[in-house]
């Protein structure tokens, strides 16, 4: 189950692993819905950017402990780290003021 995978990726210095995973999942869903609604799009995008940043330590933890994830390639665990920056850029790009204004003008 995915929840177990995400719980196991949580760094040891954090408490309430399962609860944090559930909360982050809820915010991810809300952010995805918020992106679709023009009035909440910018707020949702900034929330998603913060979420990507907030879960980054779990991605680092996975890369540092590939032995805990035998079904995943250690190389892929490391390669996914830069993709988080790409995700942040893409979210920001999607709500750039010029882009949003041009789209609303059409």
C-alpha atoms as a PDB file:
ATOM      1  CA  UNK A   1       0.000   0.000   0.000  1.00  0.00           C
ATOM      2  CA  UNK A   2       1.275   3.479  -0.875  1.00  0.00           C
ATOM      3  CA  UNK A   3       0.631   4.896   2.595  1.00  0.00           C
ATOM      4  CA  UNK A   4       3.087   2.359   4.040  1.00  0.00           C
ATOM      5  CA  UNK A   5       5.716   3.375   1.477  1.00  0.00           C
ATOM      6  CA  UNK A   6       5.310   7.043   2.291  1.00  0.00           C
ATOM      7  CA  UNK A   7       5.306   6.373   6.044  1.00  0.00           C
ATOM      8  CA  UNK A   8       8.551   4.428   5.717  1.00  0.00           C
ATOM      9  CA  UNK A   9      10.119   7.311   3.803  1.00  0.00           C
ATOM     10  CA  UNK A  10       9.619   9.752   6.664  1.00  0.00           C
ATOM     11  CA  UNK A  11      12.817  10.864   8.420  1.00  0.00           C
ATOM     12  CA  UNK A  12      13.242   9.546  11.961  1.00  0.00           C
ATOM     13  CA  UNK A  13      13.423  13.037  13.444  1.00  0.00           C
ATOM     14  CA  UNK A  14       9.734  13.590  12.619  1.00  0.00           C
ATOM     15  CA  UNK A  15       6.939  12.172  14.744  1.00  0.00           C
ATOM     16  CA  UNK A  16       3.453  11.073  13.699  1.00  0.00           C
ATOM     17  CA  UNK A  17       4.577   9.649  10.369  1.00  0.00           C
ATOM     18  CA  UNK A  18       1.236   8.214   9.292  1.00  0.00           C
ATOM     19  CA  UNK A  19      -0.647  11.348  10.285  1.00  0.00           C
ATOM     20  CA  UNK A  20       1.783  13.576   8.382  1.00  0.00           C
ATOM     21  CA  UNK A  21       1.461  11.385   5.288  1.00  0.00           C
ATOM     22  CA  UNK A  22      -2.328  11.576   5.446  1.00  0.00           C
ATOM     23  CA  UNK A  23      -2.249  15.350   5.977  1.00  0.00           C
ATOM     24  CA  UNK A  24       0.157  15.850   3.071  1.00  0.00           C
ATOM     25  CA  UNK A  25      -2.062  13.683   0.872  1.00  0.00           C
ATOM     26  CA  UNK A  26      -5.118  15.740   1.773  1.00  0.00           C
ATOM     27  CA  UNK A  27      -3.266  18.966   0.966  1.00  0.00           C
ATOM     28  CA  UNK A  28      -2.054  17.473  -2.305  1.00  0.00           C
ATOM     29  CA  UNK A  29      -5.625  16.668  -3.321  1.00  0.00           C
ATOM     30  CA  UNK A  30      -6.889  20.085  -2.199  1.00  0.00           C
ATOM     31  CA  UNK A  31      -4.060  21.763  -4.111  1.00  0.00           C
ATOM     32  CA  UNK A  32      -4.900  19.822  -7.249  1.00  0.00           C
ATOM     33  CA  UNK A  33      -8.538  20.822  -6.986  1.00  0.00           C
ATOM     34  CA  UNK A  34      -7.597  24.418  -6.147  1.00  0.00           C
ATOM     35  CA  UNK A  35      -5.452  24.680  -9.280  1.00  0.00           C
ATOM     36  CA  UNK A  36      -8.542  23.971 -11.372  1.00  0.00           C
ATOM     37  CA  UNK A  37     -10.544  26.846  -9.871  1.00  0.00           C
ATOM     38  CA  UNK A  38      -9.390  30.229 -11.220  1.00  0.00           C
ATOM     39  CA  UNK A  39     -10.122  32.172  -8.029  1.00  0.00           C
ATOM     40  CA  UNK A  40      -8.044  29.785  -5.876  1.00  0.00           C
ATOM     41  CA  UNK A  41      -5.403  28.885  -8.478  1.00  0.00           C
ATOM     42  CA  UNK A  42      -2.609  31.126  -7.202  1.00  0.00           C
ATOM     43  CA  UNK A  43      -3.180  30.251  -3.528  1.00  0.00           C
ATOM     44  CA  UNK A  44      -3.325  26.535  -4.372  1.00  0.00           C
ATOM     45  CA  UNK A  45      -0.156  26.740  -6.458  1.00  0.00           C
ATOM     46  CA  UNK A  46       1.816  28.381  -3.666  1.00  0.00           C
ATOM     47  CA  UNK A  47       0.455  25.747  -1.301  1.00  0.00           C
ATOM     48  CA  UNK A  48       1.606  22.985  -3.652  1.00  0.00           C
ATOM     49  CA  UNK A  49       5.048  24.566  -3.914  1.00  0.00           C
ATOM     50  CA  UNK A  50       5.270  24.591  -0.116  1.00  0.00           C
ATOM     51  CA  UNK A  51       4.100  20.972  -0.049  1.00  0.00           C
ATOM     52  CA  UNK A  52       6.800  19.877  -2.513  1.00  0.00           C
ATOM     53  CA  UNK A  53       9.375  21.630  -0.322  1.00  0.00           C
ATOM     54  CA  UNK A  54       7.909  20.093   2.848  1.00  0.00           C
ATOM     55  CA  UNK A  55       8.108  16.519   1.553  1.00  0.00           C
ATOM     56  CA  UNK A  56      11.617  16.934   0.139  1.00  0.00           C
ATOM     57  CA  UNK A  57      13.260  15.612   3.345  1.00  0.00           C
ATOM     58  CA  UNK A  58      11.366  12.343   2.868  1.00  0.00           C
ATOM     59  CA  UNK A  59      12.753  12.083  -0.679  1.00  0.00           C
ATOM     60  CA  UNK A  60      16.260  12.721   0.636  1.00  0.00           C
ATOM     61  CA  UNK A  61      15.723  10.105   3.336  1.00  0.00           C
ATOM     62  CA  UNK A  62      14.741   7.550   0.712  1.00  0.00           C
ATOM     63  CA  UNK A  63      17.827   8.329  -1.373  1.00  0.00           C
ATOM     64  CA  UNK A  64      20.091   8.045   1.671  1.00  0.00           C
ATOM     65  CA  UNK A  65      18.614   4.683   2.682  1.00  0.00           C
ATOM     66  CA  UNK A  66      18.024   2.744  -0.548  1.00  0.00           C
ATOM     67  CA  UNK A  67      18.369  -0.539   1.338  1.00  0.00           C
ATOM     68  CA  UNK A  68      14.927   0.149   2.827  1.00  0.00           C
ATOM     69  CA  UNK A  69      13.403   0.214  -0.667  1.00  0.00           C
ATOM     70  CA  UNK A  70      14.587  -2.966  -2.407  1.00  0.00           C
ATOM     71  CA  UNK A  71      11.929  -2.643  -5.117  1.00  0.00           C
ATOM     72  CA  UNK A  72      13.369   0.708  -6.216  1.00  0.00           C
ATOM     73  CA  UNK A  73      16.655   1.415  -7.898  1.00  0.00           C
ATOM     74  CA  UNK A  74      19.032   3.509  -5.777  1.00  0.00           C
ATOM     75  CA  UNK A  75      19.890   5.494  -8.889  1.00  0.00           C
ATOM     76  CA  UNK A  76      16.227   6.358  -9.423  1.00  0.00           C
ATOM     77  CA  UNK A  77      15.904   7.429  -5.794  1.00  0.00           C
ATOM     78  CA  UNK A  78      18.715   9.914  -6.385  1.00  0.00           C
ATOM     79  CA  UNK A  79      17.500  10.971  -9.827  1.00  0.00           C
ATOM     80  CA  UNK A  80      14.088  11.888  -8.494  1.00  0.00           C
ATOM     81  CA  UNK A  81      15.588  14.538  -6.193  1.00  0.00           C
ATOM     82  CA  UNK A  82      16.193  17.120  -8.945  1.00  0.00           C
ATOM     83  CA  UNK A  83      12.707  16.462 -10.305  1.00  0.00           C
ATOM     84  CA  UNK A  84      11.278  18.094  -7.183  1.00  0.00           C
ATOM     85  CA  UNK A  85      12.877  21.366  -8.304  1.00  0.00           C
ATOM     86  CA  UNK A  86      11.364  20.836 -11.744  1.00  0.00           C
ATOM     87  CA  UNK A  87       7.940  20.343 -10.138  1.00  0.00           C
ATOM     88  CA  UNK A  88       8.303  23.593  -8.173  1.00  0.00           C
ATOM     89  CA  UNK A  89       9.317  25.426 -11.358  1.00  0.00           C
ATOM     90  CA  UNK A  90       6.413  23.945 -13.304  1.00  0.00           C
ATOM     91  CA  UNK A  91       3.874  24.951 -10.652  1.00  0.00           C
ATOM     92  CA  UNK A  92       5.313  28.478 -10.587  1.00  0.00           C
ATOM     93  CA  UNK A  93       5.398  28.616 -14.394  1.00  0.00           C
ATOM     94  CA  UNK A  94       1.733  27.588 -14.558  1.00  0.00           C
ATOM     95  CA  UNK A  95       0.664  30.590 -12.476  1.00  0.00           C
ATOM     96  CA  UNK A  96       3.096  33.248 -13.704  1.00  0.00           C
ATOM     97  CA  UNK A  97       1.089  36.486 -13.809  1.00  0.00           C
ATOM     98  CA  UNK A  98       1.749  37.061 -17.518  1.00  0.00           C
ATOM     99  CA  UNK A  99       0.638  33.503 -18.330  1.00  0.00           C
ATOM    100  CA  UNK A 100      -2.528  33.730 -16.255  1.00  0.00           C
ATOM    101  CA  UNK A 101      -3.420  37.174 -17.658  1.00  0.00           C
ATOM    102  CA  UNK A 102      -2.898  36.005 -21.253  1.00  0.00           C
ATOM    103  CA  UNK A 103      -4.999  32.910 -20.682  1.00  0.00           C
ATOM    104  CA  UNK A 104      -7.827  34.908 -19.082  1.00  0.00           C
ATOM    105  CA  UNK A 105      -7.773  37.384 -21.997  1.00  0.00           C
ATOM    106  CA  UNK A 106      -8.549  34.646 -24.520  1.00  0.00           C
END
